Amino acid sequence: MATAGECRKALESLIARISEMNPEDRAAHLDDRTLSFTVSDLGLIFVTRLGPHGADSVREATATDGAAQIRFTAKSDDVLAIAADPGSFARAWLTGRLKVEGNLLDLLRLRKLMF
């Protein structure tokens, strides 16, 4: 089982891909959305906001955070595996190791931008 710190670092590396994109591409393809990642075996939820500006810092969710518009759930070891090989995102989802909830159009845009 991975630690909370390892999971945060892994998620930050995935989100950094969006921040490093060309600003015009981000503005054209990415709407302002909240994103959460539940690490089921650690009982933690990490959140961030994505948009034309890039991505906010990844942080632990608090009781005042509402439901994110795009929600992911996976075990800690799967979080690290997906971050190490973003191409495995679809494979993890199809095999049930990654649960994805949200608007289908948002999910397709996000997948296209990150991978």
N, C-alpha and C. Protein backbone atom coordinates (compact mmCIF):
# COMPACT_ATOMS: atom_id res chain seq x y z
N MET A 1 0.85 -1.17 0.00
CA MET A 1 0.00 0.00 0.00
C MET A 1 0.90 1.24 0.00
N ALA A 2 0.59 2.18 -0.88
CA ALA A 2 1.34 3.43 -0.96
C ALA A 2 0.87 4.39 0.14
N THR A 3 1.69 5.38 0.43
CA THR A 3 1.36 6.36 1.46
C THR A 3 0.57 7.52 0.86
N ALA A 4 -0.01 8.33 1.73
CA ALA A 4 -0.74 9.53 1.29
C ALA A 4 0.20 10.47 0.54
N GLY A 5 1.42 10.63 1.03
CA GLY A 5 2.39 11.51 0.37
C GLY A 5 2.76 11.02 -1.01
N GLU A 6 2.93 9.71 -1.16
CA GLU A 6 3.25 9.15 -2.47
C GLU A 6 2.09 9.36 -3.44
N CYS A 7 0.87 9.20 -2.95
CA CYS A 7 -0.30 9.40 -3.81
C CYS A 7 -0.43 10.86 -4.24
N ARG A 8 -0.22 11.77 -3.30
CA ARG A 8 -0.30 13.20 -3.65
C ARG A 8 0.75 13.55 -4.71
N LYS A 9 1.96 13.05 -4.53
CA LYS A 9 3.03 13.33 -5.49
C LYS A 9 2.68 12.75 -6.86
N ALA A 10 2.12 11.54 -6.89
CA ALA A 10 1.73 10.91 -8.14
C ALA A 10 0.64 11.72 -8.84
N LEU A 11 -0.36 12.17 -8.09
CA LEU A 11 -1.43 12.98 -8.67
C LEU A 11 -0.91 14.32 -9.16
N GLU A 12 0.00 14.91 -8.42
CA GLU A 12 0.59 16.18 -8.86
C GLU A 12 1.34 16.01 -10.17
N SER A 13 2.01 14.87 -10.37
CA SER A 13 2.72 14.65 -11.63
C SER A 13 1.75 14.52 -12.80
N LEU A 14 0.60 13.89 -12.57
CA LEU A 14 -0.41 13.81 -13.63
C LEU A 14 -0.99 15.18 -13.96
N ILE A 15 -1.32 15.93 -12.94
CA ILE A 15 -1.92 17.25 -13.13
C ILE A 15 -0.92 18.22 -13.77
N ALA A 16 0.36 18.05 -13.48
CA ALA A 16 1.39 18.93 -14.05
C ALA A 16 1.39 18.89 -15.57
N ARG A 17 1.00 17.78 -16.15
CA ARG A 17 0.94 17.67 -17.61
C ARG A 17 0.01 18.75 -18.19
N ILE A 18 -1.07 19.03 -17.50
CA ILE A 18 -2.02 20.03 -17.98
C ILE A 18 -1.44 21.42 -17.82
N SER A 19 -0.80 21.70 -16.71
CA SER A 19 -0.21 23.01 -16.47
C SER A 19 0.90 23.32 -17.46
N GLU A 20 1.57 22.29 -17.96
CA GLU A 20 2.69 22.48 -18.88
C GLU A 20 2.24 22.63 -20.33
N MET A 21 0.95 22.46 -20.59
CA MET A 21 0.42 22.58 -21.95
C MET A 21 0.51 24.02 -22.44
N ASN A 22 0.46 24.16 -23.73
CA ASN A 22 0.38 25.48 -24.36
C ASN A 22 -0.90 26.16 -23.86
N PRO A 23 -0.81 27.40 -23.36
CA PRO A 23 -1.99 28.07 -22.80
C PRO A 23 -3.17 28.18 -23.78
N GLU A 24 -2.88 28.37 -25.06
CA GLU A 24 -3.95 28.46 -26.05
C GLU A 24 -4.69 27.13 -26.19
N ASP A 25 -3.93 26.02 -26.15
CA ASP A 25 -4.57 24.70 -26.23
C ASP A 25 -5.43 24.43 -25.00
N ARG A 26 -4.91 24.81 -23.84
CA ARG A 26 -5.70 24.63 -22.61
C ARG A 26 -7.00 25.41 -22.70
N ALA A 27 -6.91 26.66 -23.12
CA ALA A 27 -8.10 27.52 -23.19
C ALA A 27 -9.11 26.98 -24.20
N ALA A 28 -8.63 26.40 -25.28
CA ALA A 28 -9.53 25.90 -26.32
C ALA A 28 -10.20 24.58 -25.95
N HIS A 29 -9.54 23.76 -25.11
CA HIS A 29 -10.03 22.41 -24.88
C HIS A 29 -10.42 22.08 -23.45
N LEU A 30 -10.20 22.99 -22.52
CA LEU A 30 -10.44 22.64 -21.13
C LEU A 30 -11.32 23.68 -20.45
N ASP A 31 -12.49 23.24 -20.02
CA ASP A 31 -13.39 24.10 -19.25
C ASP A 31 -12.98 24.06 -17.79
N ASP A 32 -13.43 25.03 -17.04
CA ASP A 32 -13.14 25.09 -15.60
C ASP A 32 -13.92 23.97 -14.90
N ARG A 33 -13.21 23.01 -14.31
CA ARG A 33 -13.84 21.86 -13.66
C ARG A 33 -13.11 21.51 -12.37
N THR A 34 -13.88 21.01 -11.40
CA THR A 34 -13.26 20.47 -10.19
C THR A 34 -13.05 18.98 -10.41
N LEU A 35 -11.98 18.46 -9.82
CA LEU A 35 -11.61 17.07 -9.98
C LEU A 35 -11.27 16.51 -8.61
N SER A 36 -11.74 15.30 -8.31
CA SER A 36 -11.36 14.64 -7.06
C SER A 36 -10.84 13.25 -7.36
N PHE A 37 -9.97 12.79 -6.48
CA PHE A 37 -9.43 11.44 -6.61
C PHE A 37 -9.50 10.79 -5.23
N THR A 38 -10.41 9.83 -5.10
CA THR A 38 -10.55 9.11 -3.84
C THR A 38 -9.57 7.93 -3.84
N VAL A 39 -8.74 7.89 -2.81
CA VAL A 39 -7.82 6.77 -2.63
C VAL A 39 -8.49 5.86 -1.62
N SER A 40 -9.15 4.83 -2.14
CA SER A 40 -10.07 4.04 -1.32
C SER A 40 -9.41 3.31 -0.16
N ASP A 41 -8.22 2.78 -0.34
CA ASP A 41 -7.60 2.02 0.75
C ASP A 41 -6.97 2.90 1.82
N LEU A 42 -6.82 4.19 1.54
CA LEU A 42 -6.30 5.12 2.54
C LEU A 42 -7.41 5.97 3.15
N GLY A 43 -8.60 5.93 2.56
CA GLY A 43 -9.71 6.74 3.06
C GLY A 43 -9.49 8.23 2.86
N LEU A 44 -8.78 8.60 1.79
CA LEU A 44 -8.47 10.00 1.50
C LEU A 44 -9.09 10.44 0.19
N ILE A 45 -9.39 11.72 0.13
CA ILE A 45 -9.86 12.32 -1.11
C ILE A 45 -8.97 13.53 -1.40
N PHE A 46 -8.39 13.55 -2.59
CA PHE A 46 -7.59 14.69 -3.04
C PHE A 46 -8.42 15.46 -4.06
N VAL A 47 -8.29 16.78 -4.07
CA VAL A 47 -9.05 17.62 -4.99
C VAL A 47 -8.14 18.65 -5.65
N THR A 48 -8.59 19.12 -6.81
CA THR A 48 -7.94 20.21 -7.51
C THR A 48 -8.97 20.84 -8.45
N ARG A 49 -8.62 21.94 -9.04
CA ARG A 49 -9.45 22.60 -10.05
C ARG A 49 -8.62 22.72 -11.31
N LEU A 50 -9.20 22.33 -12.43
CA LEU A 50 -8.56 22.42 -13.73
C LEU A 50 -9.28 23.45 -14.57
N GLY A 51 -8.54 24.15 -15.41
CA GLY A 51 -9.18 25.11 -16.28
C GLY A 51 -8.19 25.71 -17.24
N PRO A 52 -8.63 26.72 -17.98
CA PRO A 52 -7.74 27.37 -18.94
C PRO A 52 -6.47 27.92 -18.29
N HIS A 53 -6.53 28.23 -16.99
CA HIS A 53 -5.36 28.74 -16.27
C HIS A 53 -4.35 27.65 -15.97
N GLY A 54 -4.74 26.39 -16.09
CA GLY A 54 -3.89 25.25 -15.74
C GLY A 54 -4.56 24.46 -14.63
N ALA A 55 -3.81 24.15 -13.59
CA ALA A 55 -4.35 23.36 -12.49
C ALA A 55 -3.93 23.97 -11.17
N ASP A 56 -4.85 23.96 -10.23
CA ASP A 56 -4.52 24.38 -8.87
C ASP A 56 -3.72 23.26 -8.21
N SER A 57 -3.15 23.54 -7.07
CA SER A 57 -2.41 22.52 -6.33
C SER A 57 -3.35 21.40 -5.90
N VAL A 58 -2.80 20.20 -5.85
CA VAL A 58 -3.54 19.05 -5.34
C VAL A 58 -3.52 19.14 -3.82
N ARG A 59 -4.71 19.00 -3.20
CA ARG A 59 -4.80 19.08 -1.74
C ARG A 59 -5.81 18.06 -1.25
N GLU A 60 -5.75 17.76 0.05
CA GLU A 60 -6.75 16.88 0.63
C GLU A 60 -8.07 17.62 0.74
N ALA A 61 -9.15 16.92 0.46
CA ALA A 61 -10.48 17.52 0.56
C ALA A 61 -10.82 17.79 2.02
N THR A 62 -11.64 18.79 2.23
CA THR A 62 -12.14 19.13 3.56
C THR A 62 -13.65 18.93 3.58
N ALA A 63 -14.23 19.03 4.74
CA ALA A 63 -15.68 18.85 4.89
C ALA A 63 -16.47 19.91 4.12
N THR A 64 -15.85 21.05 3.83
CA THR A 64 -16.56 22.12 3.12
C THR A 64 -16.53 21.97 1.61
N ASP A 65 -15.72 21.05 1.09
CA ASP A 65 -15.66 20.83 -0.35
C ASP A 65 -16.91 20.10 -0.81
N GLY A 66 -17.51 20.59 -1.87
CA GLY A 66 -18.65 19.89 -2.45
C GLY A 66 -18.16 18.76 -3.34
N ALA A 67 -19.09 18.06 -3.95
CA ALA A 67 -18.73 16.98 -4.87
C ALA A 67 -18.06 17.57 -6.12
N ALA A 68 -16.97 16.95 -6.52
CA ALA A 68 -16.26 17.40 -7.72
C ALA A 68 -17.05 17.04 -8.97
N GLN A 69 -16.83 17.77 -10.04
CA GLN A 69 -17.52 17.51 -11.29
C GLN A 69 -16.98 16.25 -11.98
N ILE A 70 -15.70 15.97 -11.79
CA ILE A 70 -15.08 14.76 -12.31
C ILE A 70 -14.47 14.03 -11.13
N ARG A 71 -14.85 12.75 -10.96
CA ARG A 71 -14.43 11.99 -9.77
C ARG A 71 -13.78 10.67 -10.16
N PHE A 72 -12.63 10.41 -9.57
CA PHE A 72 -11.91 9.16 -9.78
C PHE A 72 -11.78 8.44 -8.44
N THR A 73 -11.78 7.11 -8.47
CA THR A 73 -11.56 6.31 -7.27
C THR A 73 -10.65 5.14 -7.64
N ALA A 74 -9.62 4.92 -6.83
CA ALA A 74 -8.71 3.78 -7.04
C ALA A 74 -7.95 3.52 -5.75
N LYS A 75 -7.33 2.36 -5.67
CA LYS A 75 -6.46 2.04 -4.54
C LYS A 75 -5.13 2.76 -4.74
N SER A 76 -4.41 2.95 -3.65
CA SER A 76 -3.17 3.73 -3.67
C SER A 76 -2.14 3.18 -4.65
N ASP A 77 -1.96 1.88 -4.70
CA ASP A 77 -0.98 1.31 -5.62
C ASP A 77 -1.37 1.56 -7.08
N ASP A 78 -2.66 1.58 -7.36
CA ASP A 78 -3.12 1.87 -8.72
C ASP A 78 -2.91 3.34 -9.07
N VAL A 79 -3.05 4.22 -8.10
CA VAL A 79 -2.77 5.65 -8.33
C VAL A 79 -1.32 5.81 -8.80
N LEU A 80 -0.40 5.17 -8.10
CA LEU A 80 1.01 5.26 -8.46
C LEU A 80 1.28 4.65 -9.83
N ALA A 81 0.64 3.52 -10.13
CA ALA A 81 0.83 2.87 -11.42
C ALA A 81 0.34 3.73 -12.58
N ILE A 82 -0.80 4.36 -12.40
CA ILE A 82 -1.36 5.22 -13.46
C ILE A 82 -0.46 6.44 -13.66
N ALA A 83 0.04 7.01 -12.58
CA ALA A 83 0.92 8.18 -12.70
C ALA A 83 2.23 7.81 -13.39
N ALA A 84 2.74 6.61 -13.12
CA ALA A 84 3.99 6.17 -13.74
C ALA A 84 3.81 5.88 -15.22
N ASP A 85 2.62 5.44 -15.61
CA ASP A 85 2.32 5.12 -17.01
C ASP A 85 0.92 5.62 -17.33
N PRO A 86 0.79 6.93 -17.67
CA PRO A 86 -0.54 7.48 -17.94
C PRO A 86 -1.30 6.75 -19.03
N GLY A 87 -0.61 6.04 -19.90
CA GLY A 87 -1.27 5.26 -20.93
C GLY A 87 -2.08 4.11 -20.35
N SER A 88 -1.83 3.77 -19.09
CA SER A 88 -2.56 2.68 -18.45
C SER A 88 -3.90 3.13 -17.88
N PHE A 89 -4.22 4.41 -18.00
CA PHE A 89 -5.48 4.96 -17.50
C PHE A 89 -6.67 4.17 -18.02
N ALA A 90 -6.77 4.00 -19.33
CA ALA A 90 -7.90 3.30 -19.93
C ALA A 90 -7.92 1.84 -19.50
N ARG A 91 -6.78 1.20 -19.44
CA ARG A 91 -6.70 -0.20 -19.03
C ARG A 91 -7.18 -0.36 -17.58
N ALA A 92 -6.77 0.57 -16.71
CA ALA A 92 -7.20 0.52 -15.31
C ALA A 92 -8.71 0.72 -15.20
N TRP A 93 -9.26 1.60 -16.00
CA TRP A 93 -10.70 1.84 -15.99
C TRP A 93 -11.46 0.62 -16.51
N LEU A 94 -10.99 0.07 -17.62
CA LEU A 94 -11.69 -1.08 -18.22
C LEU A 94 -11.63 -2.33 -17.34
N THR A 95 -10.58 -2.47 -16.54
CA THR A 95 -10.46 -3.65 -15.68
C THR A 95 -11.06 -3.42 -14.30
N GLY A 96 -11.65 -2.24 -14.07
CA GLY A 96 -12.32 -1.96 -12.81
C GLY A 96 -11.41 -1.49 -11.69
N ARG A 97 -10.12 -1.31 -11.96
CA ARG A 97 -9.22 -0.81 -10.91
C ARG A 97 -9.37 0.69 -10.71
N LEU A 98 -9.95 1.38 -11.70
CA LEU A 98 -10.18 2.82 -11.63
C LEU A 98 -11.65 3.08 -11.92
N LYS A 99 -12.32 3.73 -10.98
CA LYS A 99 -13.72 4.12 -11.17
C LYS A 99 -13.73 5.59 -11.59
N VAL A 100 -14.53 5.91 -12.59
CA VAL A 100 -14.60 7.27 -13.13
C VAL A 100 -16.05 7.71 -13.16
N GLU A 101 -16.32 8.90 -12.62
CA GLU A 101 -17.67 9.46 -12.63
C GLU A 101 -17.60 10.91 -13.10
N GLY A 102 -18.56 11.28 -13.92
CA GLY A 102 -18.63 12.66 -14.40
C GLY A 102 -19.29 12.71 -15.76
N ASN A 103 -19.38 13.89 -16.29
CA ASN A 103 -19.94 14.13 -17.60
C ASN A 103 -19.03 13.47 -18.65
N LEU A 104 -19.60 12.71 -19.57
CA LEU A 104 -18.82 11.98 -20.56
C LEU A 104 -17.94 12.91 -21.40
N LEU A 105 -18.47 14.04 -21.81
CA LEU A 105 -17.68 14.98 -22.62
C LEU A 105 -16.47 15.49 -21.83
N ASP A 106 -16.66 15.81 -20.55
CA ASP A 106 -15.55 16.24 -19.71
C ASP A 106 -14.48 15.16 -19.60
N LEU A 107 -14.91 13.92 -19.43
CA LEU A 107 -13.97 12.81 -19.30
C LEU A 107 -13.18 12.60 -20.58
N LEU A 108 -13.83 12.71 -21.72
CA LEU A 108 -13.12 12.55 -22.99
C LEU A 108 -12.12 13.68 -23.21
N ARG A 109 -12.49 14.89 -22.87
CA ARG A 109 -11.56 16.02 -23.00
C ARG A 109 -10.35 15.84 -22.10
N LEU A 110 -10.61 15.47 -20.85
CA LEU A 110 -9.53 15.29 -19.89
C LEU A 110 -8.58 14.19 -20.34
N ARG A 111 -9.11 13.08 -20.78
CA ARG A 111 -8.27 11.97 -21.25
C ARG A 111 -7.39 12.42 -22.42
N LYS A 112 -7.99 13.16 -23.36
CA LYS A 112 -7.24 13.64 -24.53
C LYS A 112 -6.11 14.58 -24.11
N LEU A 113 -6.37 15.42 -23.13
CA LEU A 113 -5.36 16.40 -22.70
C LEU A 113 -4.23 15.78 -21.90
N MET A 114 -4.53 14.77 -21.10
CA MET A 114 -3.52 14.22 -20.19
C MET A 114 -2.69 13.12 -20.81
N PHE A 115 -3.21 12.40 -21.78
CA PHE A 115 -2.52 11.20 -22.22
C PHE A 115 -2.15 11.28 -23.66
